[in-house]
Amino acid sequence: MSEDIFCKIINKELPASIVAEGEYWLAIKDIHPQAPVHVLILYKKHLPGLEGAANVDAEILGNLLLAANEVASRVGLGKGFRLIINSGEDSERGVDHLHIHLLGGKRLGAKIVN
C-alpha cells in the first residue's frame, strides 16, 4: 500500500475529523473547505485517481457515489450538493489517491472550485 496522507488517515495513523465510514470508503472533513460543507470521501483501496481504476473496480466506484449521497444526507445537504473528482496531472489534484469532494451548504453557482 502507498503511504500518502490519505492512506495514513484510512489506516488511523493520522488524525482526521471523520464524518462517516463504510466498507470501501471513509468520509472526512476537508481541512481547507471551499464551501460551508466540504467533505472528502476517500476510497480505502489505494488508486492514484480515477485514471487508475479498472473494470474490477466498477462496483466499488459505484459504492463511492452511493456513499456520497449517504454522506450528503447525513450532513444535511437536502437542498443539493456538488461532487468533484480530480483526475490526472492537469487537475492539480493535491493527493494522488482517489477521492470525491462533496460540497454544499450554500448555493454554489457555476464557479469551478479550485
PDB file of N, CA and C in Angstrom:
ATOM      1  N   MET A   1       0.839  -1.182   0.000  1.00  0.00           N
ATOM      2  CA  MET A   1       0.000   0.000   0.000  1.00  0.00           C
ATOM      3  C   MET A   1       0.878   1.238   0.000  1.00  0.00           C
ATOM      4  N   SER A   2       0.409   2.252  -0.700  1.00  0.00           N
ATOM      5  CA  SER A   2       1.106   3.531  -0.748  1.00  0.00           C
ATOM      6  C   SER A   2       1.086   4.182   0.629  1.00  0.00           C
ATOM      7  N   GLU A   3       1.932   5.150   0.802  1.00  0.00           N
ATOM      8  CA  GLU A   3       2.000   5.840   2.088  1.00  0.00           C
ATOM      9  C   GLU A   3       1.636   7.309   1.956  1.00  0.00           C
ATOM     10  N   ASP A   4       0.649   7.649   1.097  1.00  0.00           N
ATOM     11  CA  ASP A   4       0.217   9.030   1.014  1.00  0.00           C
ATOM     12  C   ASP A   4      -0.586   9.392   2.265  1.00  0.00           C
ATOM     13  N   ILE A   5      -0.895  10.655   2.412  1.00  0.00           N
ATOM     14  CA  ILE A   5      -1.580  11.128   3.612  1.00  0.00           C
ATOM     15  C   ILE A   5      -2.955  10.476   3.782  1.00  0.00           C
ATOM     16  N   PHE A   6      -3.665  10.214   2.673  1.00  0.00           N
ATOM     17  CA  PHE A   6      -4.984   9.595   2.799  1.00  0.00           C
ATOM     18  C   PHE A   6      -4.878   8.150   3.254  1.00  0.00           C
ATOM     19  N   CYS A   7      -3.858   7.425   2.793  1.00  0.00           N
ATOM     20  CA  CYS A   7      -3.642   6.052   3.279  1.00  0.00           C
ATOM     21  C   CYS A   7      -3.405   6.070   4.786  1.00  0.00           C
ATOM     22  N   LYS A   8      -2.629   7.035   5.236  1.00  0.00           N
ATOM     23  CA  LYS A   8      -2.341   7.137   6.678  1.00  0.00           C
ATOM     24  C   LYS A   8      -3.597   7.474   7.474  1.00  0.00           C
ATOM     25  N   ILE A   9      -4.463   8.315   6.928  1.00  0.00           N
ATOM     26  CA  ILE A   9      -5.730   8.614   7.598  1.00  0.00           C
ATOM     27  C   ILE A   9      -6.617   7.381   7.621  1.00  0.00           C
ATOM     28  N   ILE A  10      -6.724   6.689   6.503  1.00  0.00           N
ATOM     29  CA  ILE A  10      -7.544   5.468   6.420  1.00  0.00           C
ATOM     30  C   ILE A  10      -7.056   4.419   7.412  1.00  0.00           C
ATOM     31  N   ASN A  11      -5.725   4.302   7.559  1.00  0.00           N
ATOM     32  CA  ASN A  11      -5.141   3.329   8.488  1.00  0.00           C
ATOM     33  C   ASN A  11      -5.098   3.833   9.924  1.00  0.00           C
ATOM     34  N   LYS A  12      -5.692   5.009  10.162  1.00  0.00           N
ATOM     35  CA  LYS A  12      -5.770   5.626  11.501  1.00  0.00           C
ATOM     36  C   LYS A  12      -4.382   5.937  12.064  1.00  0.00           C
ATOM     37  N   GLU A  13      -3.412   6.183  11.166  1.00  0.00           N
ATOM     38  CA  GLU A  13      -2.073   6.594  11.576  1.00  0.00           C
ATOM     39  C   GLU A  13      -1.991   8.108  11.745  1.00  0.00           C
ATOM     40  N   LEU A  14      -2.919   8.836  11.123  1.00  0.00           N
ATOM     41  CA  LEU A  14      -3.016  10.288  11.255  1.00  0.00           C
ATOM     42  C   LEU A  14      -4.442  10.628  11.642  1.00  0.00           C
ATOM     43  N   PRO A  15      -4.614  11.673  12.459  1.00  0.00           N
ATOM     44  CA  PRO A  15      -5.971  12.050  12.855  1.00  0.00           C
ATOM     45  C   PRO A  15      -6.712  12.771  11.732  1.00  0.00           C
ATOM     46  N   ALA A  16      -8.019  12.656  11.765  1.00  0.00           N
ATOM     47  CA  ALA A  16      -8.889  13.368  10.839  1.00  0.00           C
ATOM     48  C   ALA A  16     -10.264  13.460  11.486  1.00  0.00           C
ATOM     49  N   SER A  17     -11.027  14.418  11.059  1.00  0.00           N
ATOM     50  CA  SER A  17     -12.395  14.570  11.546  1.00  0.00           C
ATOM     51  C   SER A  17     -13.297  13.694  10.674  1.00  0.00           C
ATOM     52  N   ILE A  18     -13.589  12.499  11.183  1.00  0.00           N
ATOM     53  CA  ILE A  18     -14.356  11.511  10.423  1.00  0.00           C
ATOM     54  C   ILE A  18     -15.844  11.854  10.480  1.00  0.00           C
ATOM     55  N   VAL A  19     -16.465  11.867   9.311  1.00  0.00           N
ATOM     56  CA  VAL A  19     -17.885  12.152   9.183  1.00  0.00           C
ATOM     57  C   VAL A  19     -18.679  10.856   9.138  1.00  0.00           C
ATOM     58  N   ALA A  20     -18.187   9.873   8.388  1.00  0.00           N
ATOM     59  CA  ALA A  20     -18.855   8.579   8.239  1.00  0.00           C
ATOM     60  C   ALA A  20     -17.858   7.596   7.641  1.00  0.00           C
ATOM     61  N   GLU A  21     -18.199   6.303   7.739  1.00  0.00           N
ATOM     62  CA  GLU A  21     -17.313   5.275   7.192  1.00  0.00           C
ATOM     63  C   GLU A  21     -18.135   4.106   6.693  1.00  0.00           C
ATOM     64  N   GLY A  22     -17.686   3.540   5.584  1.00  0.00           N
ATOM     65  CA  GLY A  22     -18.296   2.349   5.022  1.00  0.00           C
ATOM     66  C   GLY A  22     -17.217   1.314   4.756  1.00  0.00           C
ATOM     67  N   GLU A  23     -17.597   0.201   4.205  1.00  0.00           N
ATOM     68  CA  GLU A  23     -16.647  -0.882   3.944  1.00  0.00           C
ATOM     69  C   GLU A  23     -15.531  -0.453   2.999  1.00  0.00           C
ATOM     70  N   TYR A  24     -15.864   0.354   1.979  1.00  0.00           N
ATOM     71  CA  TYR A  24     -14.900   0.717   0.939  1.00  0.00           C
ATOM     72  C   TYR A  24     -14.465   2.178   0.973  1.00  0.00           C
ATOM     73  N   TRP A  25     -14.970   2.957   1.918  1.00  0.00           N
ATOM     74  CA  TRP A  25     -14.716   4.385   1.908  1.00  0.00           C
ATOM     75  C   TRP A  25     -14.681   4.967   3.318  1.00  0.00           C
ATOM     76  N   LEU A  26     -14.077   6.132   3.397  1.00  0.00           N
ATOM     77  CA  LEU A  26     -14.018   6.898   4.643  1.00  0.00           C
ATOM     78  C   LEU A  26     -14.295   8.348   4.279  1.00  0.00           C
ATOM     79  N   ALA A  27     -15.212   8.995   4.988  1.00  0.00           N
ATOM     80  CA  ALA A  27     -15.544  10.395   4.733  1.00  0.00           C
ATOM     81  C   ALA A  27     -14.989  11.254   5.865  1.00  0.00           C
ATOM     82  N   ILE A  28     -14.226  12.286   5.491  1.00  0.00           N
ATOM     83  CA  ILE A  28     -13.610  13.186   6.467  1.00  0.00           C
ATOM     84  C   ILE A  28     -13.874  14.637   6.068  1.00  0.00           C
ATOM     85  N   LYS A  29     -13.821  15.533   7.051  1.00  0.00           N
ATOM     86  CA  LYS A  29     -13.933  16.953   6.755  1.00  0.00           C
ATOM     87  C   LYS A  29     -12.655  17.419   6.069  1.00  0.00           C
ATOM     88  N   ASP A  30     -12.808  18.249   5.040  1.00  0.00           N
ATOM     89  CA  ASP A  30     -11.662  18.826   4.342  1.00  0.00           C
ATOM     90  C   ASP A  30     -11.039  19.888   5.250  1.00  0.00           C
ATOM     91  N   ILE A  31      -9.718  19.908   5.347  1.00  0.00           N
ATOM     92  CA  ILE A  31      -9.054  20.894   6.217  1.00  0.00           C
ATOM     93  C   ILE A  31      -8.938  22.262   5.559  1.00  0.00           C
ATOM     94  N   HIS A  32      -9.230  22.353   4.274  1.00  0.00           N
ATOM     95  CA  HIS A  32      -9.246  23.629   3.545  1.00  0.00           C
ATOM     96  C   HIS A  32     -10.580  23.742   2.804  1.00  0.00           C
ATOM     97  N   PRO A  33     -11.684  23.916   3.550  1.00  0.00           N
ATOM     98  CA  PRO A  33     -13.002  23.873   2.914  1.00  0.00           C
ATOM     99  C   PRO A  33     -13.209  24.980   1.892  1.00  0.00           C
ATOM    100  N   GLN A  34     -13.879  24.612   0.796  1.00  0.00           N
ATOM    101  CA  GLN A  34     -14.221  25.538  -0.281  1.00  0.00           C
ATOM    102  C   GLN A  34     -15.707  25.888  -0.263  1.00  0.00           C
ATOM    103  N   ALA A  35     -16.433  25.373   0.713  1.00  0.00           N
ATOM    104  CA  ALA A  35     -17.865  25.629   0.878  1.00  0.00           C
ATOM    105  C   ALA A  35     -18.180  25.402   2.360  1.00  0.00           C
ATOM    106  N   PRO A  36     -19.349  25.861   2.824  1.00  0.00           N
ATOM    107  CA  PRO A  36     -19.695  25.627   4.237  1.00  0.00           C
ATOM    108  C   PRO A  36     -19.597  24.157   4.639  1.00  0.00           C
ATOM    109  N   VAL A  37     -19.975  23.257   3.731  1.00  0.00           N
ATOM    110  CA  VAL A  37     -19.782  21.819   3.953  1.00  0.00           C
ATOM    111  C   VAL A  37     -18.838  21.334   2.861  1.00  0.00           C
ATOM    112  N   HIS A  38     -17.704  20.774   3.279  1.00  0.00           N
ATOM    113  CA  HIS A  38     -16.732  20.226   2.326  1.00  0.00           C
ATOM    114  C   HIS A  38     -16.173  18.951   2.943  1.00  0.00           C
ATOM    115  N   VAL A  39     -16.615  17.836   2.405  1.00  0.00           N
ATOM    116  CA  VAL A  39     -16.231  16.520   2.905  1.00  0.00           C
ATOM    117  C   VAL A  39     -15.475  15.785   1.801  1.00  0.00           C
ATOM    118  N   LEU A  40     -14.438  15.074   2.183  1.00  0.00           N
ATOM    119  CA  LEU A  40     -13.697  14.216   1.255  1.00  0.00           C
ATOM    120  C   LEU A  40     -14.120  12.779   1.501  1.00  0.00           C
ATOM    121  N   ILE A  41     -14.471  12.088   0.435  1.00  0.00           N
ATOM    122  CA  ILE A  41     -14.825  10.675   0.538  1.00  0.00           C
ATOM    123  C   ILE A  41     -13.673   9.907  -0.085  1.00  0.00           C
ATOM    124  N   LEU A  42     -12.915   9.232   0.763  1.00  0.00           N
ATOM    125  CA  LEU A  42     -11.682   8.555   0.370  1.00  0.00           C
ATOM    126  C   LEU A  42     -11.960   7.096   0.046  1.00  0.00           C
ATOM    127  N   TYR A  43     -11.449   6.642  -1.057  1.00  0.00           N
ATOM    128  CA  TYR A  43     -11.516   5.237  -1.427  1.00  0.00           C
ATOM    129  C   TYR A  43     -10.476   4.509  -0.581  1.00  0.00           C
ATOM    130  N   LYS A  44     -10.854   3.464   0.130  1.00  0.00           N
ATOM    131  CA  LYS A  44      -9.920   2.778   1.022  1.00  0.00           C
ATOM    132  C   LYS A  44      -8.824   2.032   0.278  1.00  0.00           C
ATOM    133  N   LYS A  45      -9.110   1.560  -0.937  1.00  0.00           N
ATOM    134  CA  LYS A  45      -8.077   0.919  -1.740  1.00  0.00           C
ATOM    135  C   LYS A  45      -7.261   2.029  -2.386  1.00  0.00           C
ATOM    136  N   HIS A  46      -5.945   1.910  -2.365  1.00  0.00           N
ATOM    137  CA  HIS A  46      -5.134   2.968  -2.962  1.00  0.00           C
ATOM    138  C   HIS A  46      -5.181   2.891  -4.486  1.00  0.00           C
ATOM    139  N   LEU A  47      -5.698   3.946  -5.070  1.00  0.00           N
ATOM    140  CA  LEU A  47      -5.615   4.195  -6.505  1.00  0.00           C
ATOM    141  C   LEU A  47      -5.174   5.648  -6.615  1.00  0.00           C
ATOM    142  N   PRO A  48      -4.251   5.961  -7.513  1.00  0.00           N
ATOM    143  CA  PRO A  48      -3.812   7.351  -7.616  1.00  0.00           C
ATOM    144  C   PRO A  48      -4.951   8.269  -8.032  1.00  0.00           C
ATOM    145  N   GLY A  49      -5.887   7.756  -8.796  1.00  0.00           N
ATOM    146  CA  GLY A  49      -7.026   8.546  -9.231  1.00  0.00           C
ATOM    147  C   GLY A  49      -7.933   7.714 -10.101  1.00  0.00           C
ATOM    148  N   LEU A  50      -8.947   8.335 -10.625  1.00  0.00           N
ATOM    149  CA  LEU A  50      -9.888   7.632 -11.479  1.00  0.00           C
ATOM    150  C   LEU A  50      -9.187   7.009 -12.679  1.00  0.00           C
ATOM    151  N   GLU A  51      -8.113   7.656 -13.125  1.00  0.00           N
ATOM    152  CA  GLU A  51      -7.361   7.136 -14.263  1.00  0.00           C
ATOM    153  C   GLU A  51      -6.693   5.800 -13.959  1.00  0.00           C
ATOM    154  N   GLY A  52      -6.594   5.416 -12.691  1.00  0.00           N
ATOM    155  CA  GLY A  52      -6.004   4.138 -12.321  1.00  0.00           C
ATOM    156  C   GLY A  52      -7.030   3.043 -12.093  1.00  0.00           C
ATOM    157  N   ALA A  53      -8.313   3.384 -12.224  1.00  0.00           N
ATOM    158  CA  ALA A  53      -9.373   2.407 -11.972  1.00  0.00           C
ATOM    159  C   ALA A  53      -9.528   1.461 -13.162  1.00  0.00           C
ATOM    160  N   ALA A  54     -10.007   0.260 -12.863  1.00  0.00           N
ATOM    161  CA  ALA A  54     -10.230  -0.760 -13.890  1.00  0.00           C
ATOM    162  C   ALA A  54     -11.646  -1.302 -13.747  1.00  0.00           C
ATOM    163  N   ASN A  55     -12.036  -2.144 -14.698  1.00  0.00           N
ATOM    164  CA  ASN A  55     -13.376  -2.731 -14.658  1.00  0.00           C
ATOM    165  C   ASN A  55     -13.654  -3.448 -13.343  1.00  0.00           C
ATOM    166  N   VAL A  56     -12.642  -4.056 -12.743  1.00  0.00           N
ATOM    167  CA  VAL A  56     -12.857  -4.774 -11.483  1.00  0.00           C
ATOM    168  C   VAL A  56     -13.232  -3.821 -10.349  1.00  0.00           C
ATOM    169  N   ASP A  57     -12.976  -2.529 -10.538  1.00  0.00           N
ATOM    170  CA  ASP A  57     -13.302  -1.533  -9.517  1.00  0.00           C
ATOM    171  C   ASP A  57     -14.694  -0.926  -9.703  1.00  0.00           C
ATOM    172  N   ALA A  58     -15.427  -1.315 -10.733  1.00  0.00           N
ATOM    173  CA  ALA A  58     -16.697  -0.678 -11.077  1.00  0.00           C
ATOM    174  C   ALA A  58     -17.704  -0.696  -9.932  1.00  0.00           C
ATOM    175  N   GLU A  59     -17.877  -1.830  -9.285  1.00  0.00           N
ATOM    176  CA  GLU A  59     -18.853  -1.914  -8.204  1.00  0.00           C
ATOM    177  C   GLU A  59     -18.461  -1.006  -7.039  1.00  0.00           C
ATOM    178  N   ILE A  60     -17.180  -1.019  -6.704  1.00  0.00           N
ATOM    179  CA  ILE A  60     -16.722  -0.190  -5.583  1.00  0.00           C
ATOM    180  C   ILE A  60     -16.827   1.290  -5.938  1.00  0.00           C
ATOM    181  N   LEU A  61     -16.536   1.646  -7.182  1.00  0.00           N
ATOM    182  CA  LEU A  61     -16.678   3.039  -7.610  1.00  0.00           C
ATOM    183  C   LEU A  61     -18.136   3.474  -7.519  1.00  0.00           C
ATOM    184  N   GLY A  62     -19.041   2.584  -7.877  1.00  0.00           N
ATOM    185  CA  GLY A  62     -20.460   2.871  -7.703  1.00  0.00           C
ATOM    186  C   GLY A  62     -20.800   3.064  -6.237  1.00  0.00           C
ATOM    187  N   ASN A  63     -20.187   2.256  -5.378  1.00  0.00           N
ATOM    188  CA  ASN A  63     -20.400   2.406  -3.938  1.00  0.00           C
ATOM    189  C   ASN A  63     -19.924   3.765  -3.437  1.00  0.00           C
ATOM    190  N   LEU A  64     -18.857   4.305  -4.051  1.00  0.00           N
ATOM    191  CA  LEU A  64     -18.381   5.635  -3.664  1.00  0.00           C
ATOM    192  C   LEU A  64     -19.439   6.693  -3.959  1.00  0.00           C
ATOM    193  N   LEU A  65     -20.094   6.588  -5.112  1.00  0.00           N
ATOM    194  CA  LEU A  65     -21.142   7.555  -5.434  1.00  0.00           C
ATOM    195  C   LEU A  65     -22.333   7.410  -4.490  1.00  0.00           C
ATOM    196  N   LEU A  66     -22.686   6.186  -4.162  1.00  0.00           N
ATOM    197  CA  LEU A  66     -23.753   5.977  -3.185  1.00  0.00           C
ATOM    198  C   LEU A  66     -23.344   6.497  -1.811  1.00  0.00           C
ATOM    199  N   ALA A  67     -22.067   6.344  -1.472  1.00  0.00           N
ATOM    200  CA  ALA A  67     -21.561   6.880  -0.208  1.00  0.00           C
ATOM    201  C   ALA A  67     -21.689   8.398  -0.185  1.00  0.00           C
ATOM    202  N   ALA A  68     -21.390   9.036  -1.305  1.00  0.00           N
ATOM    203  CA  ALA A  68     -21.508  10.493  -1.378  1.00  0.00           C
ATOM    204  C   ALA A  68     -22.942  10.922  -1.094  1.00  0.00           C
ATOM    205  N   ASN A  69     -23.898  10.209  -1.644  1.00  0.00           N
ATOM    206  CA  ASN A  69     -25.302  10.519  -1.401  1.00  0.00           C
ATOM    207  C   ASN A  69     -25.658  10.311   0.074  1.00  0.00           C
ATOM    208  N   GLU A  70     -25.160   9.224   0.651  1.00  0.00           N
ATOM    209  CA  GLU A  70     -25.421   8.937   2.067  1.00  0.00           C
ATOM    210  C   GLU A  70     -24.813  10.015   2.960  1.00  0.00           C
ATOM    211  N   VAL A  71     -23.572  10.376   2.689  1.00  0.00           N
ATOM    212  CA  VAL A  71     -22.899  11.396   3.496  1.00  0.00           C
ATOM    213  C   VAL A  71     -23.608  12.745   3.335  1.00  0.00           C
ATOM    214  N   ALA A  72     -24.006  13.086   2.118  1.00  0.00           N
ATOM    215  CA  ALA A  72     -24.729  14.339   1.887  1.00  0.00           C
ATOM    216  C   ALA A  72     -25.988  14.394   2.747  1.00  0.00           C
ATOM    217  N   SER A  73     -26.699  13.304   2.826  1.00  0.00           N
ATOM    218  CA  SER A  73     -27.896  13.239   3.656  1.00  0.00           C
ATOM    219  C   SER A  73     -27.545  13.413   5.133  1.00  0.00           C
ATOM    220  N   ARG A  74     -26.501  12.745   5.575  1.00  0.00           N
ATOM    221  CA  ARG A  74     -26.084  12.818   6.984  1.00  0.00           C
ATOM    222  C   ARG A  74     -25.680  14.222   7.413  1.00  0.00           C
ATOM    223  N   VAL A  75     -25.077  14.975   6.490  1.00  0.00           N
ATOM    224  CA  VAL A  75     -24.601  16.321   6.851  1.00  0.00           C
ATOM    225  C   VAL A  75     -25.602  17.413   6.476  1.00  0.00           C
ATOM    226  N   GLY A  76     -26.818  17.012   6.095  1.00  0.00           N
ATOM    227  CA  GLY A  76     -27.891  17.968   5.891  1.00  0.00           C
ATOM    228  C   GLY A  76     -27.888  18.705   4.568  1.00  0.00           C
ATOM    229  N   LEU A  77     -27.446  18.061   3.504  1.00  0.00           N
ATOM    230  CA  LEU A  77     -27.403  18.717   2.199  1.00  0.00           C
ATOM    231  C   LEU A  77     -28.608  18.352   1.335  1.00  0.00           C
ATOM    232  N   GLY A  78     -29.781  18.380   1.942  1.00  0.00           N
ATOM    233  CA  GLY A  78     -31.000  18.030   1.236  1.00  0.00           C
ATOM    234  C   GLY A  78     -31.373  18.984   0.109  1.00  0.00           C
ATOM    235  N   LYS A  79     -30.847  20.223   0.135  1.00  0.00           N
ATOM    236  CA  LYS A  79     -31.163  21.188  -0.921  1.00  0.00           C
ATOM    237  C   LYS A  79     -30.233  21.046  -2.123  1.00  0.00           C
ATOM    238  N   GLY A  80     -29.240  20.172  -2.028  1.00  0.00           N
ATOM    239  CA  GLY A  80     -28.341  19.945  -3.152  1.00  0.00           C
ATOM    240  C   GLY A  80     -26.883  19.982  -2.748  1.00  0.00           C
ATOM    241  N   PHE A  81     -26.058  19.445  -3.619  1.00  0.00           N
ATOM    242  CA  PHE A  81     -24.622  19.380  -3.368  1.00  0.00           C
ATOM    243  C   PHE A  81     -23.900  19.191  -4.684  1.00  0.00           C
ATOM    244  N   ARG A  82     -22.584  19.334  -4.638  1.00  0.00           N
ATOM    245  CA  ARG A  82     -21.734  19.145  -5.810  1.00  0.00           C
ATOM    246  C   ARG A  82     -20.697  18.081  -5.469  1.00  0.00           C
ATOM    247  N   LEU A  83     -20.417  17.212  -6.450  1.00  0.00           N
ATOM    248  CA  LEU A  83     -19.349  16.223  -6.325  1.00  0.00           C
ATOM    249  C   LEU A  83     -18.256  16.573  -7.316  1.00  0.00           C
ATOM    250  N   ILE A  84     -17.015  16.488  -6.866  1.00  0.00           N
ATOM    251  CA  ILE A  84     -15.874  16.748  -7.737  1.00  0.00           C
ATOM    252  C   ILE A  84     -14.872  15.618  -7.568  1.00  0.00           C
ATOM    253  N   ILE A  85     -14.413  15.076  -8.699  1.00  0.00           N
ATOM    254  CA  ILE A  85     -13.325  14.100  -8.704  1.00  0.00           C
ATOM    255  C   ILE A  85     -12.237  14.680  -9.595  1.00  0.00           C
ATOM    256  N   ASN A  86     -11.094  14.986  -9.034  1.00  0.00           N
ATOM    257  CA  ASN A  86      -9.962  15.477  -9.814  1.00  0.00           C
ATOM    258  C   ASN A  86      -9.199  14.271 -10.347  1.00  0.00           C
ATOM    259  N   SER A  87      -8.862  14.305 -11.628  1.00  0.00           N
ATOM    260  CA  SER A  87      -8.192  13.168 -12.237  1.00  0.00           C
ATOM    261  C   SER A  87      -7.082  13.637 -13.168  1.00  0.00           C
ATOM    262  N   GLY A  88      -5.917  13.092 -12.977  1.00  0.00           N
ATOM    263  CA  GLY A  88      -4.793  13.391 -13.856  1.00  0.00           C
ATOM    264  C   GLY A  88      -4.010  14.627 -13.466  1.00  0.00           C
ATOM    265  N   GLU A  89      -2.885  14.779 -14.098  1.00  0.00           N
ATOM    266  CA  GLU A  89      -1.924  15.844 -13.797  1.00  0.00           C
ATOM    267  C   GLU A  89      -2.518  17.242 -13.945  1.00  0.00           C
ATOM    268  N   ASP A  90      -3.284  17.472 -15.000  1.00  0.00           N
ATOM    269  CA  ASP A  90      -3.831  18.802 -15.244  1.00  0.00           C
ATOM    270  C   ASP A  90      -4.907  19.228 -14.251  1.00  0.00           C
ATOM    271  N   SER A  91      -5.417  18.299 -13.471  1.00  0.00           N
ATOM    272  CA  SER A  91      -6.433  18.650 -12.475  1.00  0.00           C
ATOM    273  C   SER A  91      -5.828  19.327 -11.252  1.00  0.00           C
ATOM    274  N   GLU A  92      -4.511  19.258 -11.137  1.00  0.00           N
ATOM    275  CA  GLU A  92      -3.789  19.779  -9.967  1.00  0.00           C
ATOM    276  C   GLU A  92      -4.303  19.161  -8.667  1.00  0.00           C
ATOM    277  N   ARG A  93      -4.606  17.878  -8.759  1.00  0.00           N
ATOM    278  CA  ARG A  93      -5.051  17.121  -7.589  1.00  0.00           C
ATOM    279  C   ARG A  93      -3.965  17.208  -6.518  1.00  0.00           C
ATOM    280  N   GLY A  94      -4.345  17.482  -5.292  1.00  0.00           N
ATOM    281  CA  GLY A  94      -3.381  17.650  -4.208  1.00  0.00           C
ATOM    282  C   GLY A  94      -2.781  16.353  -3.707  1.00  0.00           C
ATOM    283  N   VAL A  95      -3.566  15.291  -3.680  1.00  0.00           N
ATOM    284  CA  VAL A  95      -3.104  13.993  -3.181  1.00  0.00           C
ATOM    285  C   VAL A  95      -3.443  12.948  -4.232  1.00  0.00           C
ATOM    286  N   ASP A  96      -2.454  12.175  -4.631  1.00  0.00           N
ATOM    287  CA  ASP A  96      -2.664  11.120  -5.629  1.00  0.00           C
ATOM    288  C   ASP A  96      -3.286   9.889  -4.980  1.00  0.00           C
ATOM    289  N   HIS A  97      -4.556  10.031  -4.637  1.00  0.00           N
ATOM    290  CA  HIS A  97      -5.332   8.957  -4.023  1.00  0.00           C
ATOM    291  C   HIS A  97      -6.788   9.262  -4.372  1.00  0.00           C
ATOM    292  N   LEU A  98      -7.488   8.319  -4.980  1.00  0.00           N
ATOM    293  CA  LEU A  98      -8.849   8.556  -5.427  1.00  0.00           C
ATOM    294  C   LEU A  98      -9.736   9.031  -4.278  1.00  0.00           C
ATOM    295  N   HIS A  99     -10.373  10.176  -4.499  1.00  0.00           N
ATOM    296  CA  HIS A  99     -11.306  10.715  -3.522  1.00  0.00           C
ATOM    297  C   HIS A  99     -12.310  11.617  -4.223  1.00  0.00           C
ATOM    298  N   ILE A 100     -13.442  11.804  -3.567  1.00  0.00           N
ATOM    299  CA  ILE A 100     -14.509  12.666  -4.068  1.00  0.00           C
ATOM    300  C   ILE A 100     -14.648  13.839  -3.114  1.00  0.00           C
ATOM    301  N   HIS A 101     -14.742  15.038  -3.675  1.00  0.00           N
ATOM    302  CA  HIS A 101     -15.074  16.226  -2.886  1.00  0.00           C
ATOM    303  C   HIS A 101     -16.596  16.365  -2.890  1.00  0.00           C
ATOM    304  N   LEU A 102     -17.183  16.453  -1.721  1.00  0.00           N
ATOM    305  CA  LEU A 102     -18.610  16.697  -1.547  1.00  0.00           C
ATOM    306  C   LEU A 102     -18.747  18.108  -0.993  1.00  0.00           C
ATOM    307  N   LEU A 103     -19.377  18.993  -1.756  1.00  0.00           N
ATOM    308  CA  LEU A 103     -19.514  20.392  -1.354  1.00  0.00           C
ATOM    309  C   LEU A 103     -20.975  20.797  -1.308  1.00  0.00           C
ATOM    310  N   GLY A 104     -21.305  21.643  -0.343  1.00  0.00           N
ATOM    311  CA  GLY A 104     -22.667  22.143  -0.236  1.00  0.00           C
ATOM    312  C   GLY A 104     -22.803  23.093   0.931  1.00  0.00           C
ATOM    313  N   GLY A 105     -24.038  23.306   1.322  1.00  0.00           N
ATOM    314  CA  GLY A 105     -24.301  24.194   2.445  1.00  0.00           C
ATOM    315  C   GLY A 105     -24.606  25.622   2.023  1.00  0.00           C
ATOM    316  N   LYS A 106     -24.584  25.898   0.721  1.00  0.00           N
ATOM    317  CA  LYS A 106     -24.947  27.190   0.150  1.00  0.00           C
ATOM    318  C   LYS A 106     -25.218  26.981  -1.331  1.00  0.00           C
ATOM    319  N   ARG A 107     -25.778  27.981  -1.962  1.00  0.00           N
ATOM    320  CA  ARG A 107     -25.967  27.926  -3.413  1.00  0.00           C
ATOM    321  C   ARG A 107     -24.572  28.059  -4.038  1.00  0.00           C
ATOM    322  N   LEU A 108     -24.155  27.074  -4.791  1.00  0.00           N
ATOM    323  CA  LEU A 108     -22.773  27.006  -5.257  1.00  0.00           C
ATOM    324  C   LEU A 108     -22.516  27.783  -6.543  1.00  0.00           C
ATOM    325  N   GLY A 109     -23.512  28.020  -7.357  1.00  0.00           N
ATOM    326  CA  GLY A 109     -23.288  28.756  -8.597  1.00  0.00           C
ATOM    327  C   GLY A 109     -22.484  27.947  -9.588  1.00  0.00           C
ATOM    328  N   ALA A 110     -22.020  28.609 -10.631  1.00  0.00           N
ATOM    329  CA  ALA A 110     -21.332  27.930 -11.719  1.00  0.00           C
ATOM    330  C   ALA A 110     -19.825  27.958 -11.586  1.00  0.00           C
ATOM    331  N   LYS A 111     -19.269  28.639 -10.608  1.00  0.00           N
ATOM    332  CA  LYS A 111     -17.826  28.744 -10.460  1.00  0.00           C
ATOM    333  C   LYS A 111     -17.208  27.367 -10.222  1.00  0.00           C
ATOM    334  N   ILE A 112     -16.125  27.090 -10.886  1.00  0.00           N
ATOM    335  CA  ILE A 112     -15.392  25.844 -10.674  1.00  0.00           C
ATOM    336  C   ILE A 112     -14.505  26.036  -9.443  1.00  0.00           C
ATOM    337  N   VAL A 113     -14.580  25.089  -8.506  1.00  0.00           N
ATOM    338  CA  VAL A 113     -13.814  25.161  -7.265  1.00  0.00           C
ATOM    339  C   VAL A 113     -12.356  24.844  -7.552  1.00  0.00           C
ATOM    340  N   ASN A 114     -11.454  25.608  -6.979  1.00  0.00           N
ATOM    341  CA  ASN A 114     -10.011  25.342  -7.139  1.00  0.00           C
ATOM    342  C   ASN A 114      -9.581  24.202  -6.278  1.00  0.00           C
TER     343      ASN A 114
END
